Amino acid sequence: MHAVVMESLEEYLSGLLEPAVRRRIETHLNECASCRAGMDGMAGVSRLFGALRSQECDPAPGFYARVVERIETTSPAPSFAGLFAFDLVFARRLAFSCMLTLVVLGSFLVSREVAYRGSFTPDAVLSQDTTAASGNALAQDNMLLALTAYER
């Protein structure tokens, strides 16, 4: 098609052109057989698309107002992600209570700690016993005697 027809193809098919431009396109279509054939094909396609359009395109009056009103009155359903959407005040209180719990439990554990006794442990006695290293039966008996003496 020529540029004269291509510029205003949509407007011509919908009938929205000014009369002067419409006359100019119709004059060109009367003179040019290829543009006329192309325009007839486009008009056929346009009619087919028009037949597909339903008669009830526009909603009833007040439809949008009812939809907006219904959206505003309904509350959103709770979701799993909503459980993690804390507000700032709740998050601060939660952090403070966790830290307070740690302090209380830590102080309890520290206060229940058994103090170190100044007495010797079996490990310390055996590490300082030089007779156990000789390997004789008397030294082994002494080691067993020392271990049983420190059992609780």
Protein backbone atom coordinates (compact mmCIF):
# COMPACT_ATOMS: atom_id res chain seq x y z
CA MET A 1 0.00 0.00 0.00
CA HIS A 2 1.03 3.54 -0.55
CA ALA A 3 1.86 5.98 2.23
CA VAL A 4 -1.37 7.93 1.69
CA VAL A 5 -3.44 4.92 2.77
CA MET A 6 -1.04 3.57 5.40
CA GLU A 7 -1.01 6.83 7.37
CA SER A 8 -4.72 6.73 8.15
CA LEU A 9 -5.65 3.07 7.73
CA GLU A 10 -7.15 2.57 11.19
CA GLU A 11 -9.11 5.81 11.16
CA TYR A 12 -10.45 5.12 7.67
CA LEU A 13 -11.70 1.65 8.59
CA SER A 14 -13.33 2.90 11.80
CA GLY A 15 -14.90 5.91 10.03
CA LEU A 16 -13.24 8.55 12.21
CA LEU A 17 -11.49 10.54 9.46
CA GLU A 18 -12.29 14.11 8.53
CA PRO A 19 -14.18 14.38 5.27
CA ALA A 20 -11.28 15.98 3.35
CA VAL A 21 -8.81 13.22 4.27
CA ARG A 22 -11.45 10.56 3.62
CA ARG A 23 -12.09 11.93 0.10
CA ARG A 24 -8.36 11.94 -0.62
CA ILE A 25 -7.98 8.27 0.44
CA GLU A 26 -11.08 7.23 -1.54
CA THR A 27 -9.72 9.01 -4.61
CA HIS A 28 -6.46 7.11 -4.26
CA LEU A 29 -8.30 3.81 -3.78
CA ASN A 30 -10.32 4.43 -6.99
CA GLU A 31 -7.09 4.95 -8.93
CA CYS A 32 -4.86 2.22 -7.33
CA ALA A 33 -6.00 -1.40 -7.68
CA SER A 34 -3.34 -2.83 -5.31
CA CYS A 35 -4.30 -0.45 -2.47
CA ARG A 36 -8.01 -1.16 -3.10
CA ALA A 37 -7.39 -4.95 -2.83
CA GLY A 38 -5.35 -4.48 0.33
CA MET A 39 -7.99 -2.21 1.85
CA ASP A 40 -10.76 -4.73 1.04
CA GLY A 41 -8.78 -7.46 2.81
CA MET A 42 -8.24 -5.25 5.83
CA ALA A 43 -11.90 -4.31 5.93
CA GLY A 44 -12.86 -8.03 5.92
CA VAL A 45 -10.51 -8.73 8.82
CA SER A 46 -11.89 -5.70 10.67
CA ARG A 47 -15.47 -7.00 10.22
CA LEU A 48 -14.44 -10.43 11.54
CA PHE A 49 -12.88 -8.87 14.61
CA GLY A 50 -15.99 -6.75 15.10
CA ALA A 51 -18.14 -9.91 15.04
CA LEU A 52 -16.05 -11.39 17.86
CA ARG A 53 -16.79 -8.48 20.18
CA SER A 54 -19.54 -9.24 22.70
CA GLN A 55 -22.53 -6.95 23.01
CA GLU A 56 -22.06 -6.44 26.75
CA CYS A 57 -18.66 -4.75 26.87
CA ASP A 58 -19.56 -2.17 29.47
CA PRO A 59 -20.38 -3.27 33.03
CA ALA A 60 -23.62 -2.28 34.70
CA PRO A 61 -23.77 1.14 36.36
CA GLY A 62 -22.26 1.13 39.83
CA PHE A 63 -20.26 -2.05 39.20
CA TYR A 64 -16.89 -0.46 39.94
CA ALA A 65 -18.20 1.27 43.06
CA ARG A 66 -19.50 -2.06 44.41
CA VAL A 67 -16.15 -3.74 43.69
CA VAL A 68 -14.21 -1.01 45.50
CA GLU A 69 -16.62 -1.12 48.45
CA ARG A 70 -16.29 -4.89 48.72
CA ILE A 71 -12.49 -4.69 48.59
CA GLU A 72 -12.44 -2.10 51.37
CA THR A 73 -14.78 -4.09 53.64
CA THR A 74 -13.10 -7.47 53.33
CA SER A 75 -10.04 -8.14 55.42
CA PRO A 76 -7.15 -10.06 53.93
CA ALA A 77 -6.79 -13.70 54.87
CA PRO A 78 -3.90 -14.46 57.22
CA SER A 79 -0.90 -15.93 55.49
CA PHE A 80 2.24 -17.77 56.52
CA ALA A 81 4.36 -14.77 55.59
CA GLY A 82 2.26 -12.63 57.95
CA LEU A 83 3.70 -14.52 60.91
CA PHE A 84 7.13 -13.06 60.17
CA ALA A 85 5.94 -9.52 59.52
CA PHE A 86 6.63 -8.16 63.01
CA ASP A 87 6.17 -4.57 63.87
CA LEU A 88 9.14 -2.76 65.35
CA VAL A 89 7.80 -2.55 68.91
CA PHE A 90 7.13 -6.30 69.06
CA ALA A 91 10.59 -7.05 67.64
CA ARG A 92 12.25 -4.91 70.32
CA ARG A 93 10.27 -6.57 73.10
CA LEU A 94 11.12 -10.01 71.72
CA ALA A 95 14.85 -9.21 71.56
CA PHE A 96 14.80 -7.77 75.09
CA SER A 97 13.03 -10.82 76.51
CA CYS A 98 15.49 -13.17 74.79
CA MET A 99 18.47 -11.30 76.21
CA LEU A 100 16.90 -11.23 79.69
CA THR A 101 16.31 -14.99 79.51
CA LEU A 102 19.96 -15.55 78.57
CA VAL A 103 21.15 -13.40 81.48
CA VAL A 104 18.96 -15.26 83.99
CA LEU A 105 19.99 -18.70 82.73
CA GLY A 106 23.67 -17.70 82.58
CA SER A 107 23.65 -16.36 86.13
CA PHE A 108 21.95 -19.55 87.32
CA LEU A 109 24.62 -21.69 85.68
CA VAL A 110 27.45 -19.57 87.10
CA SER A 111 26.00 -19.66 90.62
CA ARG A 112 25.61 -23.46 90.47
CA GLU A 113 29.22 -23.94 89.36
CA VAL A 114 31.12 -26.11 91.82
CA ALA A 115 34.10 -24.26 93.19
CA TYR A 116 37.54 -25.69 92.50
CA ARG A 117 38.81 -27.68 95.41
CA GLY A 118 42.40 -27.23 96.39
CA SER A 119 43.02 -30.98 96.76
CA PHE A 120 44.92 -33.02 94.26
CA THR A 121 43.15 -34.96 91.57
CA PRO A 122 44.19 -38.49 90.58
CA ASP A 123 45.63 -37.14 87.36
CA ALA A 124 47.88 -34.74 89.26
CA VAL A 125 49.06 -37.48 91.66
CA LEU A 126 49.87 -39.88 88.83
CA SER A 127 51.72 -37.25 86.85
CA GLN A 128 54.01 -36.54 89.81
CA ASP A 129 54.51 -40.21 90.78
CA THR A 130 57.93 -41.25 89.50
CA THR A 131 57.80 -44.77 90.86
CA ALA A 132 54.96 -45.79 88.52
CA ALA A 133 57.23 -45.36 85.55
CA SER A 134 59.61 -48.13 86.63
CA GLY A 135 57.22 -50.90 85.59
CA ASN A 136 57.61 -53.18 88.62
CA ALA A 137 54.62 -54.82 90.35
CA LEU A 138 54.95 -52.71 93.51
CA ALA A 139 54.71 -49.47 91.52
CA GLN A 140 51.59 -50.69 89.73
CA ASP A 141 50.00 -51.64 93.03
CA ASN A 142 50.79 -48.19 94.37
CA MET A 143 49.15 -46.60 91.32
CA LEU A 144 45.98 -48.70 91.80
CA LEU A 145 45.95 -47.82 95.48
CA ALA A 146 46.24 -44.13 94.67
CA LEU A 147 43.43 -44.31 92.13
CA THR A 148 41.04 -46.10 94.50
CA ALA A 149 41.80 -43.68 97.29
CA TYR A 150 40.63 -40.74 95.16
CA GLU A 151 37.39 -42.32 93.88
CA ARG A 152 34.21 -40.81 95.10
